[in-house]
Amino acid sequence: MDKKKYESMLILIVPAVVKLITENYSWDEITASNRFYESKVFECLEREETKLWHLSPLTLFNMFDEEQKTGSFVFPEEV
């Protein structure tokens, strides 16, 4: 996938994940965005070759949640 298409995918996925974070954590949108951008999940999502962009925002949120609670996360089998 070319870089522009990939960046467009991220523009659609990230707000949906941030919304789920604000719904499940007592963080405002800015804090939720910052925390997500600083996460290992986002670091992996940024790399197109990980194929995390294939996952739903809910699955990405669950990975983020796992990282917040345990310090790490597991890649789902479907990746």
PDB file of N, CA and C in Angstrom:
ATOM      1  N   MET A   1       0.858  -1.171   0.000  1.00  0.00           N
ATOM      2  CA  MET A   1       0.000   0.000   0.000  1.00  0.00           C
ATOM      3  C   MET A   1       0.903   1.234   0.000  1.00  0.00           C
ATOM      4  N   ASP A   2       0.550   2.210  -0.830  1.00  0.00           N
ATOM      5  CA  ASP A   2       1.390   3.400  -0.857  1.00  0.00           C
ATOM      6  C   ASP A   2       1.175   4.252   0.397  1.00  0.00           C
ATOM      7  N   LYS A   3       2.122   5.130   0.662  1.00  0.00           N
ATOM      8  CA  LYS A   3       2.155   5.901   1.898  1.00  0.00           C
ATOM      9  C   LYS A   3       0.904   6.756   2.094  1.00  0.00           C
ATOM     10  N   LYS A   4       0.405   7.395   1.038  1.00  0.00           N
ATOM     11  CA  LYS A   4      -0.788   8.250   1.168  1.00  0.00           C
ATOM     12  C   LYS A   4      -2.013   7.438   1.568  1.00  0.00           C
ATOM     13  N   LYS A   5      -2.202   6.288   0.948  1.00  0.00           N
ATOM     14  CA  LYS A   5      -3.340   5.435   1.290  1.00  0.00           C
ATOM     15  C   LYS A   5      -3.233   4.952   2.737  1.00  0.00           C
ATOM     16  N   TYR A   6      -2.019   4.594   3.135  1.00  0.00           N
ATOM     17  CA  TYR A   6      -1.811   4.109   4.488  1.00  0.00           C
ATOM     18  C   TYR A   6      -2.100   5.211   5.511  1.00  0.00           C
ATOM     19  N   GLU A   7      -1.618   6.407   5.246  1.00  0.00           N
ATOM     20  CA  GLU A   7      -1.886   7.530   6.141  1.00  0.00           C
ATOM     21  C   GLU A   7      -3.380   7.829   6.211  1.00  0.00           C
ATOM     22  N   SER A   8      -4.089   7.667   5.112  1.00  0.00           N
ATOM     23  CA  SER A   8      -5.544   7.860   5.093  1.00  0.00           C
ATOM     24  C   SER A   8      -6.235   6.829   5.984  1.00  0.00           C
ATOM     25  N   MET A   9      -5.743   5.603   5.969  1.00  0.00           N
ATOM     26  CA  MET A   9      -6.301   4.556   6.825  1.00  0.00           C
ATOM     27  C   MET A   9      -6.132   4.932   8.293  1.00  0.00           C
ATOM     28  N   LEU A  10      -4.951   5.425   8.638  1.00  0.00           N
ATOM     29  CA  LEU A  10      -4.695   5.818  10.026  1.00  0.00           C
ATOM     30  C   LEU A  10      -5.609   6.958  10.457  1.00  0.00           C
ATOM     31  N   ILE A  11      -5.876   7.885   9.542  1.00  0.00           N
ATOM     32  CA  ILE A  11      -6.754   9.015   9.850  1.00  0.00           C
ATOM     33  C   ILE A  11      -8.160   8.535  10.208  1.00  0.00           C
ATOM     34  N   LEU A  12      -8.567   7.405   9.640  1.00  0.00           N
ATOM     35  CA  LEU A  12      -9.883   6.844   9.949  1.00  0.00           C
ATOM     36  C   LEU A  12      -9.873   5.989  11.219  1.00  0.00           C
ATOM     37  N   ILE A  13      -8.796   5.257  11.437  1.00  0.00           N
ATOM     38  CA  ILE A  13      -8.732   4.303  12.543  1.00  0.00           C
ATOM     39  C   ILE A  13      -8.475   4.985  13.886  1.00  0.00           C
ATOM     40  N   VAL A  14      -7.513   5.886  13.938  1.00  0.00           N
ATOM     41  CA  VAL A  14      -7.075   6.466  15.210  1.00  0.00           C
ATOM     42  C   VAL A  14      -8.205   7.170  15.966  1.00  0.00           C
ATOM     43  N   PRO A  15      -9.018   8.025  15.351  1.00  0.00           N
ATOM     44  CA  PRO A  15     -10.095   8.671  16.113  1.00  0.00           C
ATOM     45  C   PRO A  15     -11.080   7.669  16.732  1.00  0.00           C
ATOM     46  N   ALA A  16     -11.338   6.573  16.038  1.00  0.00           N
ATOM     47  CA  ALA A  16     -12.249   5.567  16.582  1.00  0.00           C
ATOM     48  C   ALA A  16     -11.650   4.889  17.815  1.00  0.00           C
ATOM     49  N   VAL A  17     -10.345   4.639  17.781  1.00  0.00           N
ATOM     50  CA  VAL A  17      -9.675   4.040  18.946  1.00  0.00           C
ATOM     51  C   VAL A  17      -9.661   5.042  20.094  1.00  0.00           C
ATOM     52  N   VAL A  18      -9.351   6.288  19.811  1.00  0.00           N
ATOM     53  CA  VAL A  18      -9.330   7.321  20.858  1.00  0.00           C
ATOM     54  C   VAL A  18     -10.709   7.465  21.492  1.00  0.00           C
ATOM     55  N   LYS A  19     -11.746   7.394  20.695  1.00  0.00           N
ATOM     56  CA  LYS A  19     -13.115   7.479  21.230  1.00  0.00           C
ATOM     57  C   LYS A  19     -13.367   6.330  22.214  1.00  0.00           C
ATOM     58  N   LEU A  20     -12.955   5.134  21.857  1.00  0.00           N
ATOM     59  CA  LEU A  20     -13.110   3.994  22.764  1.00  0.00           C
ATOM     60  C   LEU A  20     -12.302   4.189  24.043  1.00  0.00           C
ATOM     61  N   ILE A  21     -11.135   4.779  23.930  1.00  0.00           N
ATOM     62  CA  ILE A  21     -10.321   5.043  25.121  1.00  0.00           C
ATOM     63  C   ILE A  21     -11.041   6.018  26.042  1.00  0.00           C
ATOM     64  N   THR A  22     -11.593   7.105  25.479  1.00  0.00           N
ATOM     65  CA  THR A  22     -12.295   8.089  26.324  1.00  0.00           C
ATOM     66  C   THR A  22     -13.541   7.495  26.962  1.00  0.00           C
ATOM     67  N   GLU A  23     -14.158   6.532  26.299  1.00  0.00           N
ATOM     68  CA  GLU A  23     -15.351   5.884  26.850  1.00  0.00           C
ATOM     69  C   GLU A  23     -15.016   4.904  27.974  1.00  0.00           C
ATOM     70  N   ASN A  24     -13.794   4.395  27.985  1.00  0.00           N
ATOM     71  CA  ASN A  24     -13.424   3.365  28.948  1.00  0.00           C
ATOM     72  C   ASN A  24     -12.434   3.832  30.012  1.00  0.00           C
ATOM     73  N   TYR A  25     -11.835   4.974  29.820  1.00  0.00           N
ATOM     74  CA  TYR A  25     -10.920   5.556  30.795  1.00  0.00           C
ATOM     75  C   TYR A  25     -11.456   6.941  31.141  1.00  0.00           C
ATOM     76  N   SER A  26     -11.118   7.443  32.278  1.00  0.00           N
ATOM     77  CA  SER A  26     -11.606   8.775  32.659  1.00  0.00           C
ATOM     78  C   SER A  26     -10.652   9.857  32.151  1.00  0.00           C
ATOM     79  N   TRP A  27     -10.319   9.762  30.870  1.00  0.00           N
ATOM     80  CA  TRP A  27      -9.414  10.714  30.239  1.00  0.00           C
ATOM     81  C   TRP A  27     -10.178  11.536  29.214  1.00  0.00           C
ATOM     82  N   ASP A  28      -9.764  12.805  29.096  1.00  0.00           N
ATOM     83  CA  ASP A  28     -10.337  13.618  28.027  1.00  0.00           C
ATOM     84  C   ASP A  28      -9.695  13.196  26.695  1.00  0.00           C
ATOM     85  N   GLU A  29     -10.193  13.758  25.619  1.00  0.00           N
ATOM     86  CA  GLU A  29      -9.736  13.351  24.281  1.00  0.00           C
ATOM     87  C   GLU A  29      -8.250  13.627  24.052  1.00  0.00           C
ATOM     88  N   ILE A  30      -7.766  14.734  24.581  1.00  0.00           N
ATOM     89  CA  ILE A  30      -6.348  15.074  24.398  1.00  0.00           C
ATOM     90  C   ILE A  30      -5.459  14.076  25.137  1.00  0.00           C
ATOM     91  N   THR A  31      -5.804  13.772  26.378  1.00  0.00           N
ATOM     92  CA  THR A  31      -5.031  12.802  27.156  1.00  0.00           C
ATOM     93  C   THR A  31      -5.088  11.433  26.495  1.00  0.00           C
ATOM     94  N   ALA A  32      -6.274  11.029  26.075  1.00  0.00           N
ATOM     95  CA  ALA A  32      -6.441   9.727  25.420  1.00  0.00           C
ATOM     96  C   ALA A  32      -5.604   9.662  24.139  1.00  0.00           C
ATOM     97  N   SER A  33      -5.631  10.727  23.363  1.00  0.00           N
ATOM     98  CA  SER A  33      -4.841  10.773  22.124  1.00  0.00           C
ATOM     99  C   SER A  33      -3.351  10.667  22.430  1.00  0.00           C
ATOM    100  N   ASN A  34      -2.901  11.459  23.395  1.00  0.00           N
ATOM    101  CA  ASN A  34      -1.478  11.429  23.749  1.00  0.00           C
ATOM    102  C   ASN A  34      -1.058  10.049  24.229  1.00  0.00           C
ATOM    103  N   ARG A  35      -1.867   9.445  25.093  1.00  0.00           N
ATOM    104  CA  ARG A  35      -1.539   8.120  25.613  1.00  0.00           C
ATOM    105  C   ARG A  35      -1.487   7.087  24.486  1.00  0.00           C
ATOM    106  N   PHE A  36      -2.443   7.181  23.549  1.00  0.00           N
ATOM    107  CA  PHE A  36      -2.445   6.232  22.437  1.00  0.00           C
ATOM    108  C   PHE A  36      -1.223   6.443  21.548  1.00  0.00           C
ATOM    109  N   TYR A  37      -0.915   7.694  21.219  1.00  0.00           N
ATOM    110  CA  TYR A  37       0.238   7.983  20.368  1.00  0.00           C
ATOM    111  C   TYR A  37       1.556   7.552  21.013  1.00  0.00           C
ATOM    112  N   GLU A  38       1.606   7.510  22.338  1.00  0.00           N
ATOM    113  CA  GLU A  38       2.814   7.105  23.057  1.00  0.00           C
ATOM    114  C   GLU A  38       2.884   5.594  23.287  1.00  0.00           C
ATOM    115  N   SER A  39       1.846   4.875  22.926  1.00  0.00           N
ATOM    116  CA  SER A  39       1.779   3.440  23.213  1.00  0.00           C
ATOM    117  C   SER A  39       2.565   2.602  22.203  1.00  0.00           C
ATOM    118  N   LYS A  40       2.904   1.404  22.636  1.00  0.00           N
ATOM    119  CA  LYS A  40       3.559   0.436  21.745  1.00  0.00           C
ATOM    120  C   LYS A  40       2.582  -0.011  20.655  1.00  0.00           C
ATOM    121  N   VAL A  41       1.296  -0.048  20.981  1.00  0.00           N
ATOM    122  CA  VAL A  41       0.289  -0.429  19.983  1.00  0.00           C
ATOM    123  C   VAL A  41       0.336   0.547  18.821  1.00  0.00           C
ATOM    124  N   PHE A  42       0.347   1.839  19.109  1.00  0.00           N
ATOM    125  CA  PHE A  42       0.407   2.825  18.031  1.00  0.00           C
ATOM    126  C   PHE A  42       1.724   2.725  17.285  1.00  0.00           C
ATOM    127  N   GLU A  43       2.802   2.490  18.016  1.00  0.00           N
ATOM    128  CA  GLU A  43       4.111   2.334  17.370  1.00  0.00           C
ATOM    129  C   GLU A  43       4.058   1.216  16.329  1.00  0.00           C
ATOM    130  N   CYS A  44       3.397   0.130  16.671  1.00  0.00           N
ATOM    131  CA  CYS A  44       3.249  -0.985  15.726  1.00  0.00           C
ATOM    132  C   CYS A  44       2.263  -0.636  14.613  1.00  0.00           C
ATOM    133  N   LEU A  45       1.196   0.049  14.962  1.00  0.00           N
ATOM    134  CA  LEU A  45       0.189   0.442  13.972  1.00  0.00           C
ATOM    135  C   LEU A  45       0.803   1.349  12.905  1.00  0.00           C
ATOM    136  N   GLU A  46       1.730   2.192  13.311  1.00  0.00           N
ATOM    137  CA  GLU A  46       2.391   3.102  12.367  1.00  0.00           C
ATOM    138  C   GLU A  46       3.204   2.359  11.307  1.00  0.00           C
ATOM    139  N   ARG A  47       3.637   1.178  11.630  1.00  0.00           N
ATOM    140  CA  ARG A  47       4.432   0.394  10.684  1.00  0.00           C
ATOM    141  C   ARG A  47       3.499  -0.474   9.848  1.00  0.00           C
ATOM    142  N   GLU A  48       3.361  -0.133   8.608  1.00  0.00           N
ATOM    143  CA  GLU A  48       2.411  -0.797   7.708  1.00  0.00           C
ATOM    144  C   GLU A  48       2.633  -2.306   7.644  1.00  0.00           C
ATOM    145  N   GLU A  49       3.873  -2.722   7.728  1.00  0.00           N
ATOM    146  CA  GLU A  49       4.181  -4.151   7.588  1.00  0.00           C
ATOM    147  C   GLU A  49       3.635  -5.008   8.732  1.00  0.00           C
ATOM    148  N   THR A  50       3.252  -4.399   9.864  1.00  0.00           N
ATOM    149  CA  THR A  50       2.677  -5.181  10.965  1.00  0.00           C
ATOM    150  C   THR A  50       1.257  -5.630  10.653  1.00  0.00           C
ATOM    151  N   LYS A  51       0.624  -4.958   9.715  1.00  0.00           N
ATOM    152  CA  LYS A  51      -0.752  -5.254   9.288  1.00  0.00           C
ATOM    153  C   LYS A  51      -1.795  -5.008  10.380  1.00  0.00           C
ATOM    154  N   LEU A  52      -1.437  -4.238  11.421  1.00  0.00           N
ATOM    155  CA  LEU A  52      -2.422  -3.932  12.463  1.00  0.00           C
ATOM    156  C   LEU A  52      -3.575  -3.101  11.929  1.00  0.00           C
ATOM    157  N   TRP A  53      -3.354  -2.392  10.832  1.00  0.00           N
ATOM    158  CA  TRP A  53      -4.414  -1.558  10.265  1.00  0.00           C
ATOM    159  C   TRP A  53      -5.574  -2.407   9.750  1.00  0.00           C
ATOM    160  N   HIS A  54      -5.380  -3.711   9.631  1.00  0.00           N
ATOM    161  CA  HIS A  54      -6.466  -4.613   9.244  1.00  0.00           C
ATOM    162  C   HIS A  54      -7.457  -4.834  10.385  1.00  0.00           C
ATOM    163  N   LEU A  55      -7.030  -4.545  11.609  1.00  0.00           N
ATOM    164  CA  LEU A  55      -7.847  -4.839  12.781  1.00  0.00           C
ATOM    165  C   LEU A  55      -8.888  -3.754  13.023  1.00  0.00           C
ATOM    166  N   SER A  56      -9.938  -4.128  13.716  1.00  0.00           N
ATOM    167  CA  SER A  56     -10.986  -3.165  14.049  1.00  0.00           C
ATOM    168  C   SER A  56     -10.493  -2.219  15.143  1.00  0.00           C
ATOM    169  N   PRO A  57     -11.116  -1.031  15.240  1.00  0.00           N
ATOM    170  CA  PRO A  57     -10.766  -0.130  16.339  1.00  0.00           C
ATOM    171  C   PRO A  57     -10.965  -0.795  17.714  1.00  0.00           C
ATOM    172  N   LEU A  58     -11.984  -1.639  17.845  1.00  0.00           N
ATOM    173  CA  LEU A  58     -12.215  -2.313  19.118  1.00  0.00           C
ATOM    174  C   LEU A  58     -11.061  -3.254  19.471  1.00  0.00           C
ATOM    175  N   THR A  59     -10.567  -3.989  18.498  1.00  0.00           N
ATOM    176  CA  THR A  59      -9.437  -4.883  18.741  1.00  0.00           C
ATOM    177  C   THR A  59      -8.192  -4.078  19.102  1.00  0.00           C
ATOM    178  N   LEU A  60      -7.968  -2.979  18.406  1.00  0.00           N
ATOM    179  CA  LEU A  60      -6.827  -2.117  18.723  1.00  0.00           C
ATOM    180  C   LEU A  60      -6.973  -1.519  20.117  1.00  0.00           C
ATOM    181  N   PHE A  61      -8.196  -1.129  20.471  1.00  0.00           N
ATOM    182  CA  PHE A  61      -8.428  -0.625  21.834  1.00  0.00           C
ATOM    183  C   PHE A  61      -8.118  -1.711  22.855  1.00  0.00           C
ATOM    184  N   ASN A  62      -8.564  -2.932  22.614  1.00  0.00           N
ATOM    185  CA  ASN A  62      -8.305  -4.021  23.556  1.00  0.00           C
ATOM    186  C   ASN A  62      -6.808  -4.272  23.711  1.00  0.00           C
ATOM    187  N   MET A  63      -6.068  -4.144  22.637  1.00  0.00           N
ATOM    188  CA  MET A  63      -4.609  -4.283  22.709  1.00  0.00           C
ATOM    189  C   MET A  63      -4.016  -3.143  23.537  1.00  0.00           C
ATOM    190  N   PHE A  64      -4.504  -1.920  23.312  1.00  0.00           N
ATOM    191  CA  PHE A  64      -4.054  -0.761  24.082  1.00  0.00           C
ATOM    192  C   PHE A  64      -4.374  -0.953  25.560  1.00  0.00           C
ATOM    193  N   ASP A  65      -5.579  -1.407  25.842  1.00  0.00           N
ATOM    194  CA  ASP A  65      -6.014  -1.636  27.220  1.00  0.00           C
ATOM    195  C   ASP A  65      -5.114  -2.668  27.903  1.00  0.00           C
ATOM    196  N   GLU A  66      -4.824  -3.733  27.201  1.00  0.00           N
ATOM    197  CA  GLU A  66      -3.935  -4.765  27.733  1.00  0.00           C
ATOM    198  C   GLU A  66      -2.547  -4.174  28.027  1.00  0.00           C
ATOM    199  N   GLU A  67      -2.056  -3.340  27.105  1.00  0.00           N
ATOM    200  CA  GLU A  67      -0.755  -2.708  27.314  1.00  0.00           C
ATOM    201  C   GLU A  67      -0.781  -1.803  28.538  1.00  0.00           C
ATOM    202  N   GLN A  68      -1.862  -1.049  28.717  1.00  0.00           N
ATOM    203  CA  GLN A  68      -1.969  -0.154  29.868  1.00  0.00           C
ATOM    204  C   GLN A  68      -1.986  -0.935  31.186  1.00  0.00           C
ATOM    205  N   LYS A  69      -2.658  -2.058  31.185  1.00  0.00           N
ATOM    206  CA  LYS A  69      -2.816  -2.841  32.412  1.00  0.00           C
ATOM    207  C   LYS A  69      -1.620  -3.727  32.731  1.00  0.00           C
ATOM    208  N   THR A  70      -0.924  -4.223  31.703  1.00  0.00           N
ATOM    209  CA  THR A  70       0.134  -5.202  31.938  1.00  0.00           C
ATOM    210  C   THR A  70       1.518  -4.738  31.478  1.00  0.00           C
ATOM    211  N   GLY A  71       1.560  -3.688  30.667  1.00  0.00           N
ATOM    212  CA  GLY A  71       2.836  -3.231  30.136  1.00  0.00           C
ATOM    213  C   GLY A  71       3.209  -3.867  28.809  1.00  0.00           C
ATOM    214  N   SER A  72       2.388  -4.804  28.349  1.00  0.00           N
ATOM    215  CA  SER A  72       2.640  -5.443  27.049  1.00  0.00           C
ATOM    216  C   SER A  72       1.309  -5.876  26.447  1.00  0.00           C
ATOM    217  N   PHE A  73       1.368  -6.384  25.231  1.00  0.00           N
ATOM    218  CA  PHE A  73       0.164  -6.870  24.565  1.00  0.00           C
ATOM    219  C   PHE A  73       0.551  -7.993  23.628  1.00  0.00           C
ATOM    220  N   VAL A  74      -0.455  -8.739  23.228  1.00  0.00           N
ATOM    221  CA  VAL A  74      -0.254  -9.873  22.318  1.00  0.00           C
ATOM    222  C   VAL A  74      -0.889  -9.515  20.982  1.00  0.00           C
ATOM    223  N   PHE A  75      -0.180  -9.825  19.890  1.00  0.00           N
ATOM    224  CA  PHE A  75      -0.771  -9.646  18.571  1.00  0.00           C
ATOM    225  C   PHE A  75      -1.855 -10.696  18.383  1.00  0.00           C
ATOM    226  N   PRO A  76      -3.048 -10.286  17.936  1.00  0.00           N
ATOM    227  CA  PRO A  76      -4.107 -11.267  17.664  1.00  0.00           C
ATOM    228  C   PRO A  76      -3.686 -12.234  16.575  1.00  0.00           C
ATOM    229  N   GLU A  77      -4.264 -13.406  16.578  1.00  0.00           N
ATOM    230  CA  GLU A  77      -3.923 -14.432  15.592  1.00  0.00           C
ATOM    231  C   GLU A  77      -4.222 -14.002  14.165  1.00  0.00           C
ATOM    232  N   GLU A  78      -5.225 -13.128  13.976  1.00  0.00           N
ATOM    233  CA  GLU A  78      -5.615 -12.762  12.619  1.00  0.00           C
ATOM    234  C   GLU A  78      -4.638 -11.818  11.929  1.00  0.00           C
ATOM    235  N   VAL A  79      -3.618 -11.356  12.628  1.00  0.00           N
ATOM    236  CA  VAL A  79      -2.636 -10.438  12.010  1.00  0.00           C
ATOM    237  C   VAL A  79      -1.651 -11.226  11.200  1.00  0.00           C
TER     238      VAL A  79
END
